[in-house]
Amino acid sequence: MSEKDFDQGFTDESLEENDLMPDLISLIDDDGKEYEFEILDSYECDEGHYIAIAPYTSEEDLDEGDLMILKAVDDEEDEGEFYYSPIEDDAEFNRISEIFVRRLEEFYDIVEDPENE
């Protein structure tokens, strides 16, 4: 396949349209119920890989939503696989959530929950 053949399938318009599509993830709770979330940001450091997500809505104006921060955890039963889990260590959660708040406050109005402080 030549470079010319590869370029024929993509136009500037199609690339721009894909950039506007939200990055979605489906998560299943302990009861087997599936929920859809939009990935707002991801962050990787020596401690692991983290994502900031919010419940997905197809409406353009998202006024309120709960921001959740999850950590990728290796699946002990299935080598090479992982799942996302809430951060259990309070100090780790506080450190990572501060990073996400700084990164996301430019794009979203973030109101911190006084119960979580």
PDB file of N, CA and C in Angstrom:
ATOM      1  N   MET A   1       0.857  -1.178   0.000  1.00  0.00           N
ATOM      2  CA  MET A   1       0.000   0.000   0.000  1.00  0.00           C
ATOM      3  C   MET A   1       0.893   1.227   0.000  1.00  0.00           C
ATOM      4  N   SER A   2       0.634   2.114  -0.883  1.00  0.00           N
ATOM      5  CA  SER A   2       1.450   3.326  -0.967  1.00  0.00           C
ATOM      6  C   SER A   2       0.906   4.396  -0.029  1.00  0.00           C
ATOM      7  N   GLU A   3       1.701   5.409   0.194  1.00  0.00           N
ATOM      8  CA  GLU A   3       1.285   6.527   1.036  1.00  0.00           C
ATOM      9  C   GLU A   3       0.050   7.194   0.449  1.00  0.00           C
ATOM     10  N   LYS A   4      -0.034   7.262  -0.866  1.00  0.00           N
ATOM     11  CA  LYS A   4      -1.174   7.870  -1.537  1.00  0.00           C
ATOM     12  C   LYS A   4      -2.446   7.084  -1.234  1.00  0.00           C
ATOM     13  N   ASP A   5      -2.391   5.744  -1.282  1.00  0.00           N
ATOM     14  CA  ASP A   5      -3.563   4.921  -0.987  1.00  0.00           C
ATOM     15  C   ASP A   5      -4.026   5.139   0.452  1.00  0.00           C
ATOM     16  N   PHE A   6      -3.084   5.241   1.365  1.00  0.00           N
ATOM     17  CA  PHE A   6      -3.419   5.427   2.774  1.00  0.00           C
ATOM     18  C   PHE A   6      -4.126   6.753   2.998  1.00  0.00           C
ATOM     19  N   ASP A   7      -3.649   7.801   2.373  1.00  0.00           N
ATOM     20  CA  ASP A   7      -4.211   9.133   2.581  1.00  0.00           C
ATOM     21  C   ASP A   7      -5.602   9.307   1.987  1.00  0.00           C
ATOM     22  N   GLN A   8      -5.984   8.487   1.034  1.00  0.00           N
ATOM     23  CA  GLN A   8      -7.271   8.676   0.369  1.00  0.00           C
ATOM     24  C   GLN A   8      -8.461   8.495   1.302  1.00  0.00           C
ATOM     25  N   GLY A   9      -8.333   7.680   2.334  1.00  0.00           N
ATOM     26  CA  GLY A   9      -9.474   7.412   3.204  1.00  0.00           C
ATOM     27  C   GLY A   9      -9.755   8.491   4.222  1.00  0.00           C
ATOM     28  N   PHE A  10      -8.867   9.439   4.379  1.00  0.00           N
ATOM     29  CA  PHE A  10      -9.029  10.438   5.409  1.00  0.00           C
ATOM     30  C   PHE A  10      -9.063  11.838   4.814  1.00  0.00           C
ATOM     31  N   THR A  11      -9.983  12.628   5.331  1.00  0.00           N
ATOM     32  CA  THR A  11     -10.038  14.032   4.947  1.00  0.00           C
ATOM     33  C   THR A  11      -9.922  14.866   6.214  1.00  0.00           C
ATOM     34  N   ASP A  12      -9.641  16.123   6.059  1.00  0.00           N
ATOM     35  CA  ASP A  12      -9.578  16.997   7.226  1.00  0.00           C
ATOM     36  C   ASP A  12     -10.899  16.991   7.972  1.00  0.00           C
ATOM     37  N   GLU A  13     -12.018  16.951   7.240  1.00  0.00           N
ATOM     38  CA  GLU A  13     -13.332  16.944   7.871  1.00  0.00           C
ATOM     39  C   GLU A  13     -13.533  15.723   8.744  1.00  0.00           C
ATOM     40  N   SER A  14     -13.175  14.530   8.245  1.00  0.00           N
ATOM     41  CA  SER A  14     -13.390  13.319   9.031  1.00  0.00           C
ATOM     42  C   SER A  14     -12.501  13.309  10.268  1.00  0.00           C
ATOM     43  N   LEU A  15     -11.298  13.839  10.174  1.00  0.00           N
ATOM     44  CA  LEU A  15     -10.428  13.904  11.336  1.00  0.00           C
ATOM     45  C   LEU A  15     -10.980  14.873  12.370  1.00  0.00           C
ATOM     46  N   GLU A  16     -11.486  16.016  11.938  1.00  0.00           N
ATOM     47  CA  GLU A  16     -12.068  16.979  12.874  1.00  0.00           C
ATOM     48  C   GLU A  16     -13.290  16.394  13.557  1.00  0.00           C
ATOM     49  N   GLU A  17     -14.109  15.649  12.832  1.00  0.00           N
ATOM     50  CA  GLU A  17     -15.313  15.053  13.407  1.00  0.00           C
ATOM     51  C   GLU A  17     -14.934  14.055  14.499  1.00  0.00           C
ATOM     52  N   ASN A  18     -13.914  13.251  14.282  1.00  0.00           N
ATOM     53  CA  ASN A  18     -13.481  12.285  15.281  1.00  0.00           C
ATOM     54  C   ASN A  18     -12.913  12.972  16.509  1.00  0.00           C
ATOM     55  N   ASP A  19     -12.279  14.126  16.335  1.00  0.00           N
ATOM     56  CA  ASP A  19     -11.751  14.867  17.471  1.00  0.00           C
ATOM     57  C   ASP A  19     -12.866  15.366  18.385  1.00  0.00           C
ATOM     58  N   LEU A  20     -14.051  15.563  17.850  1.00  0.00           N
ATOM     59  CA  LEU A  20     -15.167  16.080  18.623  1.00  0.00           C
ATOM     60  C   LEU A  20     -15.950  14.993  19.343  1.00  0.00           C
ATOM     61  N   MET A  21     -15.715  13.745  18.994  1.00  0.00           N
ATOM     62  CA  MET A  21     -16.426  12.641  19.622  1.00  0.00           C
ATOM     63  C   MET A  21     -15.858  12.413  21.026  1.00  0.00           C
ATOM     64  N   PRO A  22     -16.730  12.227  22.028  1.00  0.00           N
ATOM     65  CA  PRO A  22     -16.217  11.985  23.380  1.00  0.00           C
ATOM     66  C   PRO A  22     -15.556  10.615  23.469  1.00  0.00           C
ATOM     67  N   ASP A  23     -14.590  10.505  24.357  1.00  0.00           N
ATOM     68  CA  ASP A  23     -13.915   9.237  24.613  1.00  0.00           C
ATOM     69  C   ASP A  23     -14.722   8.531  25.702  1.00  0.00           C
ATOM     70  N   LEU A  24     -15.407   7.460  25.337  1.00  0.00           N
ATOM     71  CA  LEU A  24     -16.321   6.794  26.255  1.00  0.00           C
ATOM     72  C   LEU A  24     -15.754   5.475  26.755  1.00  0.00           C
ATOM     73  N   ILE A  25     -16.207   5.104  27.957  1.00  0.00           N
ATOM     74  CA  ILE A  25     -15.841   3.818  28.547  1.00  0.00           C
ATOM     75  C   ILE A  25     -17.074   3.268  29.247  1.00  0.00           C
ATOM     76  N   SER A  26     -17.286   1.976  29.121  1.00  0.00           N
ATOM     77  CA  SER A  26     -18.383   1.305  29.824  1.00  0.00           C
ATOM     78  C   SER A  26     -17.802   0.559  31.008  1.00  0.00           C
ATOM     79  N   LEU A  27     -18.391   0.760  32.168  1.00  0.00           N
ATOM     80  CA  LEU A  27     -17.957   0.071  33.373  1.00  0.00           C
ATOM     81  C   LEU A  27     -19.131  -0.720  33.933  1.00  0.00           C
ATOM     82  N   ILE A  28     -18.822  -1.872  34.502  1.00  0.00           N
ATOM     83  CA  ILE A  28     -19.849  -2.758  35.050  1.00  0.00           C
ATOM     84  C   ILE A  28     -19.650  -2.834  36.556  1.00  0.00           C
ATOM     85  N   ASP A  29     -20.736  -2.601  37.293  1.00  0.00           N
ATOM     86  CA  ASP A  29     -20.630  -2.647  38.752  1.00  0.00           C
ATOM     87  C   ASP A  29     -20.690  -4.095  39.248  1.00  0.00           C
ATOM     88  N   ASP A  30     -20.627  -4.271  40.563  1.00  0.00           N
ATOM     89  CA  ASP A  30     -20.610  -5.606  41.160  1.00  0.00           C
ATOM     90  C   ASP A  30     -21.890  -6.388  40.888  1.00  0.00           C
ATOM     91  N   ASP A  31     -22.988  -5.679  40.594  1.00  0.00           N
ATOM     92  CA  ASP A  31     -24.268  -6.334  40.313  1.00  0.00           C
ATOM     93  C   ASP A  31     -24.442  -6.648  38.832  1.00  0.00           C
ATOM     94  N   GLY A  32     -23.443  -6.326  38.023  1.00  0.00           N
ATOM     95  CA  GLY A  32     -23.513  -6.605  36.593  1.00  0.00           C
ATOM     96  C   GLY A  32     -24.184  -5.519  35.780  1.00  0.00           C
ATOM     97  N   LYS A  33     -24.524  -4.397  36.404  1.00  0.00           N
ATOM     98  CA  LYS A  33     -25.161  -3.297  35.696  1.00  0.00           C
ATOM     99  C   LYS A  33     -24.096  -2.461  34.987  1.00  0.00           C
ATOM    100  N   GLU A  34     -24.343  -2.121  33.713  1.00  0.00           N
ATOM    101  CA  GLU A  34     -23.374  -1.388  32.907  1.00  0.00           C
ATOM    102  C   GLU A  34     -23.707   0.098  32.889  1.00  0.00           C
ATOM    103  N   TYR A  35     -22.661   0.910  33.007  1.00  0.00           N
ATOM    104  CA  TYR A  35     -22.786   2.357  32.985  1.00  0.00           C
ATOM    105  C   TYR A  35     -21.798   2.911  31.965  1.00  0.00           C
ATOM    106  N   GLU A  36     -22.181   4.029  31.352  1.00  0.00           N
ATOM    107  CA  GLU A  36     -21.310   4.646  30.363  1.00  0.00           C
ATOM    108  C   GLU A  36     -20.778   5.968  30.918  1.00  0.00           C
ATOM    109  N   PHE A  37     -19.472   6.163  30.766  1.00  0.00           N
ATOM    110  CA  PHE A  37     -18.797   7.348  31.266  1.00  0.00           C
ATOM    111  C   PHE A  37     -17.960   7.971  30.167  1.00  0.00           C
ATOM    112  N   GLU A  38     -17.750   9.273  30.296  1.00  0.00           N
ATOM    113  CA  GLU A  38     -16.849   9.975  29.401  1.00  0.00           C
ATOM    114  C   GLU A  38     -15.512  10.132  30.110  1.00  0.00           C
ATOM    115  N   ILE A  39     -14.443   9.754  29.433  1.00  0.00           N
ATOM    116  CA  ILE A  39     -13.103   9.940  29.987  1.00  0.00           C
ATOM    117  C   ILE A  39     -12.712  11.392  29.736  1.00  0.00           C
ATOM    118  N   LEU A  40     -12.538  12.139  30.809  1.00  0.00           N
ATOM    119  CA  LEU A  40     -12.193  13.550  30.704  1.00  0.00           C
ATOM    120  C   LEU A  40     -10.691  13.763  30.623  1.00  0.00           C
ATOM    121  N   ASP A  41      -9.936  12.885  31.276  1.00  0.00           N
ATOM    122  CA  ASP A  41      -8.488  13.020  31.285  1.00  0.00           C
ATOM    123  C   ASP A  41      -7.893  11.711  31.786  1.00  0.00           C
ATOM    124  N   SER A  42      -6.637  11.503  31.475  1.00  0.00           N
ATOM    125  CA  SER A  42      -5.901  10.363  32.023  1.00  0.00           C
ATOM    126  C   SER A  42      -4.526  10.871  32.455  1.00  0.00           C
ATOM    127  N   TYR A  43      -3.950  10.158  33.399  1.00  0.00           N
ATOM    128  CA  TYR A  43      -2.670  10.579  33.964  1.00  0.00           C
ATOM    129  C   TYR A  43      -1.871   9.337  34.322  1.00  0.00           C
ATOM    130  N   GLU A  44      -0.595   9.358  33.972  1.00  0.00           N
ATOM    131  CA  GLU A  44       0.279   8.237  34.286  1.00  0.00           C
ATOM    132  C   GLU A  44       1.495   8.748  35.041  1.00  0.00           C
ATOM    133  N   CYS A  45       1.859   8.020  36.090  1.00  0.00           N
ATOM    134  CA  CYS A  45       3.041   8.353  36.877  1.00  0.00           C
ATOM    135  C   CYS A  45       3.625   7.054  37.407  1.00  0.00           C
ATOM    136  N   ASP A  46       4.633   7.167  38.267  1.00  0.00           N
ATOM    137  CA  ASP A  46       5.271   5.967  38.819  1.00  0.00           C
ATOM    138  C   ASP A  46       4.299   5.109  39.626  1.00  0.00           C
ATOM    139  N   GLU A  47       3.282   5.736  40.205  1.00  0.00           N
ATOM    140  CA  GLU A  47       2.317   4.999  41.020  1.00  0.00           C
ATOM    141  C   GLU A  47       1.303   4.220  40.194  1.00  0.00           C
ATOM    142  N   GLY A  48       1.108   4.605  38.926  1.00  0.00           N
ATOM    143  CA  GLY A  48       0.160   3.880  38.093  1.00  0.00           C
ATOM    144  C   GLY A  48      -0.515   4.758  37.066  1.00  0.00           C
ATOM    145  N   HIS A  49      -1.568   4.204  36.478  1.00  0.00           N
ATOM    146  CA  HIS A  49      -2.357   4.894  35.452  1.00  0.00           C
ATOM    147  C   HIS A  49      -3.724   5.220  36.050  1.00  0.00           C
ATOM    148  N   TYR A  50      -4.162   6.473  35.862  1.00  0.00           N
ATOM    149  CA  TYR A  50      -5.414   6.955  36.442  1.00  0.00           C
ATOM    150  C   TYR A  50      -6.265   7.601  35.351  1.00  0.00           C
ATOM    151  N   ILE A  51      -7.582   7.555  35.551  1.00  0.00           N
ATOM    152  CA  ILE A  51      -8.485   8.267  34.651  1.00  0.00           C
ATOM    153  C   ILE A  51      -9.474   9.080  35.476  1.00  0.00           C
ATOM    154  N   ALA A  52      -9.872  10.216  34.918  1.00  0.00           N
ATOM    155  CA  ALA A  52     -10.933  11.043  35.492  1.00  0.00           C
ATOM    156  C   ALA A  52     -12.126  10.890  34.565  1.00  0.00           C
ATOM    157  N   ILE A  53     -13.261  10.469  35.121  1.00  0.00           N
ATOM    158  CA  ILE A  53     -14.447  10.207  34.310  1.00  0.00           C
ATOM    159  C   ILE A  53     -15.664  10.890  34.915  1.00  0.00           C
ATOM    160  N   ALA A  54     -16.676  11.069  34.077  1.00  0.00           N
ATOM    161  CA  ALA A  54     -17.961  11.614  34.511  1.00  0.00           C
ATOM    162  C   ALA A  54     -19.048  10.839  33.783  1.00  0.00           C
ATOM    163  N   PRO A  55     -20.216  10.696  34.410  1.00  0.00           N
ATOM    164  CA  PRO A  55     -21.306  10.010  33.709  1.00  0.00           C
ATOM    165  C   PRO A  55     -21.551  10.672  32.363  1.00  0.00           C
ATOM    166  N   TYR A  56     -21.743   9.853  31.329  1.00  0.00           N
ATOM    167  CA  TYR A  56     -21.904  10.377  29.980  1.00  0.00           C
ATOM    168  C   TYR A  56     -23.342  10.789  29.739  1.00  0.00           C
ATOM    169  N   THR A  57     -23.490  11.960  29.135  1.00  0.00           N
ATOM    170  CA  THR A  57     -24.774  12.421  28.662  1.00  0.00           C
ATOM    171  C   THR A  57     -24.579  12.930  27.245  1.00  0.00           C
ATOM    172  N   SER A  58     -25.546  12.680  26.388  1.00  0.00           N
ATOM    173  CA  SER A  58     -25.408  13.121  25.008  1.00  0.00           C
ATOM    174  C   SER A  58     -25.774  14.595  24.845  1.00  0.00           C
ATOM    175  N   GLU A  59     -26.275  15.203  25.913  1.00  0.00           N
ATOM    176  CA  GLU A  59     -26.628  16.628  25.844  1.00  0.00           C
ATOM    177  C   GLU A  59     -25.358  17.464  25.776  1.00  0.00           C
ATOM    178  N   GLU A  60     -25.413  18.539  25.017  1.00  0.00           N
ATOM    179  CA  GLU A  60     -24.225  19.383  24.845  1.00  0.00           C
ATOM    180  C   GLU A  60     -23.873  20.150  26.104  1.00  0.00           C
ATOM    181  N   ASP A  61     -24.866  20.589  26.863  1.00  0.00           N
ATOM    182  CA  ASP A  61     -24.594  21.359  28.074  1.00  0.00           C
ATOM    183  C   ASP A  61     -24.604  20.433  29.275  1.00  0.00           C
ATOM    184  N   LEU A  62     -23.431  20.119  29.760  1.00  0.00           N
ATOM    185  CA  LEU A  62     -23.296  19.287  30.938  1.00  0.00           C
ATOM    186  C   LEU A  62     -23.084  20.216  32.127  1.00  0.00           C
ATOM    187  N   ASP A  63     -24.162  20.499  32.856  1.00  0.00           N
ATOM    188  CA  ASP A  63     -24.070  21.438  33.967  1.00  0.00           C
ATOM    189  C   ASP A  63     -23.465  20.802  35.206  1.00  0.00           C
ATOM    190  N   GLU A  64     -23.937  19.617  35.546  1.00  0.00           N
ATOM    191  CA  GLU A  64     -23.465  18.985  36.766  1.00  0.00           C
ATOM    192  C   GLU A  64     -23.165  17.525  36.495  1.00  0.00           C
ATOM    193  N   GLY A  65     -22.229  17.023  37.217  1.00  0.00           N
ATOM    194  CA  GLY A  65     -21.897  15.614  37.131  1.00  0.00           C
ATOM    195  C   GLY A  65     -20.825  15.300  38.152  1.00  0.00           C
ATOM    196  N   ASP A  66     -20.821  14.080  38.566  1.00  0.00           N
ATOM    197  CA  ASP A  66     -19.831  13.663  39.535  1.00  0.00           C
ATOM    198  C   ASP A  66     -18.559  13.254  38.820  1.00  0.00           C
ATOM    199  N   LEU A  67     -17.469  13.852  39.220  1.00  0.00           N
ATOM    200  CA  LEU A  67     -16.164  13.496  38.699  1.00  0.00           C
ATOM    201  C   LEU A  67     -15.655  12.323  39.524  1.00  0.00           C
ATOM    202  N   MET A  68     -15.269  11.269  38.844  1.00  0.00           N
ATOM    203  CA  MET A  68     -14.719  10.109  39.526  1.00  0.00           C
ATOM    204  C   MET A  68     -13.307   9.873  39.033  1.00  0.00           C
ATOM    205  N   ILE A  69     -12.458   9.465  39.937  1.00  0.00           N
ATOM    206  CA  ILE A  69     -11.077   9.167  39.591  1.00  0.00           C
ATOM    207  C   ILE A  69     -10.831   7.699  39.916  1.00  0.00           C
ATOM    208  N   LEU A  70     -10.360   6.976  38.914  1.00  0.00           N
ATOM    209  CA  LEU A  70     -10.123   5.543  39.066  1.00  0.00           C
ATOM    210  C   LEU A  70      -8.683   5.210  38.720  1.00  0.00           C
ATOM    211  N   LYS A  71      -8.216   4.102  39.258  1.00  0.00           N
ATOM    212  CA  LYS A  71      -6.857   3.638  39.018  1.00  0.00           C
ATOM    213  C   LYS A  71      -6.906   2.305  38.282  1.00  0.00           C
ATOM    214  N   ALA A  72      -6.015   2.131  37.321  1.00  0.00           N
ATOM    215  CA  ALA A  72      -5.905   0.852  36.624  1.00  0.00           C
ATOM    216  C   ALA A  72      -5.206  -0.141  37.558  1.00  0.00           C
ATOM    217  N   VAL A  73      -5.830  -1.301  37.727  1.00  0.00           N
ATOM    218  CA  VAL A  73      -5.308  -2.335  38.617  1.00  0.00           C
ATOM    219  C   VAL A  73      -5.127  -3.606  37.799  1.00  0.00           C
ATOM    220  N   ASP A  74      -3.962  -4.252  37.961  1.00  0.00           N
ATOM    221  CA  ASP A  74      -3.715  -5.509  37.254  1.00  0.00           C
ATOM    222  C   ASP A  74      -4.699  -6.570  37.721  1.00  0.00           C
ATOM    223  N   ASP A  75      -5.261  -7.303  36.762  1.00  0.00           N
ATOM    224  CA  ASP A  75      -6.190  -8.386  37.057  1.00  0.00           C
ATOM    225  C   ASP A  75      -5.384  -9.634  37.402  1.00  0.00           C
ATOM    226  N   GLU A  76      -5.473 -10.075  38.660  1.00  0.00           N
ATOM    227  CA  GLU A  76      -4.693 -11.225  39.114  1.00  0.00           C
ATOM    228  C   GLU A  76      -5.130 -12.523  38.446  1.00  0.00           C
ATOM    229  N   GLU A  77      -6.385 -12.594  38.011  1.00  0.00           N
ATOM    230  CA  GLU A  77      -6.905 -13.814  37.393  1.00  0.00           C
ATOM    231  C   GLU A  77      -6.578 -13.910  35.914  1.00  0.00           C
ATOM    232  N   ASP A  78      -6.370 -12.784  35.257  1.00  0.00           N
ATOM    233  CA  ASP A  78      -6.145 -12.766  33.812  1.00  0.00           C
ATOM    234  C   ASP A  78      -4.893 -11.939  33.520  1.00  0.00           C
ATOM    235  N   GLU A  79      -3.755 -12.615  33.382  1.00  0.00           N
ATOM    236  CA  GLU A  79      -2.479 -11.942  33.209  1.00  0.00           C
ATOM    237  C   GLU A  79      -2.491 -11.018  31.992  1.00  0.00           C
ATOM    238  N   GLY A  80      -1.967  -9.828  32.176  1.00  0.00           N
ATOM    239  CA  GLY A  80      -1.896  -8.858  31.098  1.00  0.00           C
ATOM    240  C   GLY A  80      -3.143  -7.998  30.988  1.00  0.00           C
ATOM    241  N   GLU A  81      -4.169  -8.309  31.723  1.00  0.00           N
ATOM    242  CA  GLU A  81      -5.410  -7.538  31.713  1.00  0.00           C
ATOM    243  C   GLU A  81      -5.467  -6.643  32.952  1.00  0.00           C
ATOM    244  N   PHE A  82      -6.310  -5.624  32.902  1.00  0.00           N
ATOM    245  CA  PHE A  82      -6.474  -4.733  34.049  1.00  0.00           C
ATOM    246  C   PHE A  82      -7.929  -4.308  34.138  1.00  0.00           C
ATOM    247  N   TYR A  83      -8.281  -3.713  35.259  1.00  0.00           N
ATOM    248  CA  TYR A  83      -9.600  -3.130  35.445  1.00  0.00           C
ATOM    249  C   TYR A  83      -9.417  -1.816  36.194  1.00  0.00           C
ATOM    250  N   TYR A  84     -10.435  -0.972  36.161  1.00  0.00           N
ATOM    251  CA  TYR A  84     -10.378   0.301  36.875  1.00  0.00           C
ATOM    252  C   TYR A  84     -11.082   0.150  38.215  1.00  0.00           C
ATOM    253  N   SER A  85     -10.464   0.701  39.229  1.00  0.00           N
ATOM    254  CA  SER A  85     -10.975   0.581  40.585  1.00  0.00           C
ATOM    255  C   SER A  85     -10.833   1.922  41.302  1.00  0.00           C
ATOM    256  N   PRO A  86     -11.724   2.198  42.273  1.00  0.00           N
ATOM    257  CA  PRO A  86     -11.546   3.412  43.077  1.00  0.00           C
ATOM    258  C   PRO A  86     -10.209   3.355  43.816  1.00  0.00           C
ATOM    259  N   ILE A  87      -9.639   4.509  44.087  1.00  0.00           N
ATOM    260  CA  ILE A  87      -8.374   4.589  44.823  1.00  0.00           C
ATOM    261  C   ILE A  87      -8.696   4.452  46.307  1.00  0.00           C
ATOM    262  N   GLU A  88      -8.140   3.439  46.934  1.00  0.00           N
ATOM    263  CA  GLU A  88      -8.468   3.152  48.333  1.00  0.00           C
ATOM    264  C   GLU A  88      -7.624   3.938  49.324  1.00  0.00           C
ATOM    265  N   ASP A  89      -6.384   4.261  48.982  1.00  0.00           N
ATOM    266  CA  ASP A  89      -5.492   4.982  49.878  1.00  0.00           C
ATOM    267  C   ASP A  89      -5.835   6.477  49.828  1.00  0.00           C
ATOM    268  N   ASP A  90      -6.177   7.048  50.975  1.00  0.00           N
ATOM    269  CA  ASP A  90      -6.597   8.452  51.036  1.00  0.00           C
ATOM    270  C   ASP A  90      -5.507   9.416  50.565  1.00  0.00           C
ATOM    271  N   ALA A  91      -4.271   9.179  50.981  1.00  0.00           N
ATOM    272  CA  ALA A  91      -3.176  10.078  50.591  1.00  0.00           C
ATOM    273  C   ALA A  91      -2.964  10.025  49.079  1.00  0.00           C
ATOM    274  N   GLU A  92      -2.998   8.830  48.506  1.00  0.00           N
ATOM    275  CA  GLU A  92      -2.848   8.685  47.053  1.00  0.00           C
ATOM    276  C   GLU A  92      -4.002   9.374  46.330  1.00  0.00           C
ATOM    277  N   PHE A  93      -5.233   9.162  46.819  1.00  0.00           N
ATOM    278  CA  PHE A  93      -6.398   9.787  46.201  1.00  0.00           C
ATOM    279  C   PHE A  93      -6.286  11.308  46.229  1.00  0.00           C
ATOM    280  N   ASN A  94      -5.903  11.872  47.377  1.00  0.00           N
ATOM    281  CA  ASN A  94      -5.786  13.326  47.498  1.00  0.00           C
ATOM    282  C   ASN A  94      -4.743  13.885  46.538  1.00  0.00           C
ATOM    283  N   ARG A  95      -3.607  13.209  46.427  1.00  0.00           N
ATOM    284  CA  ARG A  95      -2.533  13.650  45.523  1.00  0.00           C
ATOM    285  C   ARG A  95      -2.998  13.622  44.068  1.00  0.00           C
ATOM    286  N   ILE A  96      -3.603  12.512  43.656  1.00  0.00           N
ATOM    287  CA  ILE A  96      -4.019  12.352  42.267  1.00  0.00           C
ATOM    288  C   ILE A  96      -5.206  13.256  41.942  1.00  0.00           C
ATOM    289  N   SER A  97      -6.141  13.401  42.874  1.00  0.00           N
ATOM    290  CA  SER A  97      -7.301  14.258  42.600  1.00  0.00           C
ATOM    291  C   SER A  97      -6.878  15.711  42.447  1.00  0.00           C
ATOM    292  N   GLU A  98      -5.892  16.169  43.212  1.00  0.00           N
ATOM    293  CA  GLU A  98      -5.387  17.535  43.053  1.00  0.00           C
ATOM    294  C   GLU A  98      -4.793  17.741  41.664  1.00  0.00           C
ATOM    295  N   ILE A  99      -4.102  16.744  41.172  1.00  0.00           N
ATOM    296  CA  ILE A  99      -3.524  16.830  39.825  1.00  0.00           C
ATOM    297  C   ILE A  99      -4.633  16.964  38.794  1.00  0.00           C
ATOM    298  N   PHE A 100      -5.663  16.141  38.897  1.00  0.00           N
ATOM    299  CA  PHE A 100      -6.765  16.205  37.933  1.00  0.00           C
ATOM    300  C   PHE A 100      -7.531  17.519  38.037  1.00  0.00           C
ATOM    301  N   VAL A 101      -7.757  18.007  39.242  1.00  0.00           N
ATOM    302  CA  VAL A 101      -8.479  19.277  39.403  1.00  0.00           C
ATOM    303  C   VAL A 101      -7.708  20.400  38.714  1.00  0.00           C
ATOM    304  N   ARG A 102      -6.398  20.454  38.927  1.00  0.00           N
ATOM    305  CA  ARG A 102      -5.592  21.492  38.262  1.00  0.00           C
ATOM    306  C   ARG A 102      -5.660  21.362  36.740  1.00  0.00           C
ATOM    307  N   ARG A 103      -5.614  20.136  36.247  1.00  0.00           N
ATOM    308  CA  ARG A 103      -5.615  19.915  34.798  1.00  0.00           C
ATOM    309  C   ARG A 103      -6.984  20.198  34.179  1.00  0.00           C
ATOM    310  N   LEU A 104      -8.065  19.938  34.920  1.00  0.00           N
ATOM    311  CA  LEU A 104      -9.407  20.045  34.347  1.00  0.00           C
ATOM    312  C   LEU A 104     -10.108  21.372  34.614  1.00  0.00           C
ATOM    313  N   GLU A 105      -9.653  22.132  35.606  1.00  0.00           N
ATOM    314  CA  GLU A 105     -10.375  23.356  35.954  1.00  0.00           C
ATOM    315  C   GLU A 105     -10.345  24.400  34.841  1.00  0.00           C
ATOM    316  N   GLU A 106      -9.423  24.265  33.914  1.00  0.00           N
ATOM    317  CA  GLU A 106      -9.383  25.171  32.764  1.00  0.00           C
ATOM    318  C   GLU A 106     -10.588  24.950  31.845  1.00  0.00           C
ATOM    319  N   PHE A 107     -11.095  23.727  31.807  1.00  0.00           N
ATOM    320  CA  PHE A 107     -12.164  23.375  30.887  1.00  0.00           C
ATOM    321  C   PHE A 107     -13.526  23.204  31.562  1.00  0.00           C
ATOM    322  N   TYR A 108     -13.548  22.944  32.863  1.00  0.00           N
ATOM    323  CA  TYR A 108     -14.788  22.665  33.590  1.00  0.00           C
ATOM    324  C   TYR A 108     -14.834  23.495  34.865  1.00  0.00           C
ATOM    325  N   ASP A 109     -16.059  23.801  35.307  1.00  0.00           N
ATOM    326  CA  ASP A 109     -16.249  24.437  36.610  1.00  0.00           C
ATOM    327  C   ASP A 109     -16.302  23.311  37.634  1.00  0.00           C
ATOM    328  N   ILE A 110     -15.280  23.237  38.455  1.00  0.00           N
ATOM    329  CA  ILE A 110     -15.187  22.151  39.434  1.00  0.00           C
ATOM    330  C   ILE A 110     -15.535  22.698  40.802  1.00  0.00           C
ATOM    331  N   VAL A 111     -16.544  22.098  41.420  1.00  0.00           N
ATOM    332  CA  VAL A 111     -16.964  22.458  42.770  1.00  0.00           C
ATOM    333  C   VAL A 111     -16.663  21.264  43.642  1.00  0.00           C
ATOM    334  N   GLU A 112     -15.808  21.465  44.637  1.00  0.00           N
ATOM    335  CA  GLU A 112     -15.413  20.356  45.501  1.00  0.00           C
ATOM    336  C   GLU A 112     -16.496  20.078  46.516  1.00  0.00           C
ATOM    337  N   ASP A 113     -16.709  18.793  46.780  1.00  0.00           N
ATOM    338  CA  ASP A 113     -17.706  18.334  47.729  1.00  0.00           C
ATOM    339  C   ASP A 113     -17.123  18.458  49.124  1.00  0.00           C
ATOM    340  N   PRO A 114     -17.748  19.265  50.014  1.00  0.00           N
ATOM    341  CA  PRO A 114     -17.193  19.454  51.359  1.00  0.00           C
ATOM    342  C   PRO A 114     -17.126  18.139  52.151  1.00  0.00           C
ATOM    343  N   GLU A 115     -17.946  17.168  51.827  1.00  0.00           N
ATOM    344  CA  GLU A 115     -17.921  15.879  52.537  1.00  0.00           C
ATOM    345  C   GLU A 115     -16.655  15.100  52.208  1.00  0.00           C
ATOM    346  N   ASN A 116     -16.039  15.344  51.065  1.00  0.00           N
ATOM    347  CA  ASN A 116     -14.844  14.605  50.658  1.00  0.00           C
ATOM    348  C   ASN A 116     -13.544  15.296  51.050  1.00  0.00           C
ATOM    349  N   GLU A 117     -13.624  16.429  51.713  1.00  0.00           N
ATOM    350  CA  GLU A 117     -12.407  17.160  52.082  1.00  0.00           C
ATOM    351  C   GLU A 117     -11.901  16.681  53.419  1.00  0.00           C
TER     352      GLU A 117
END
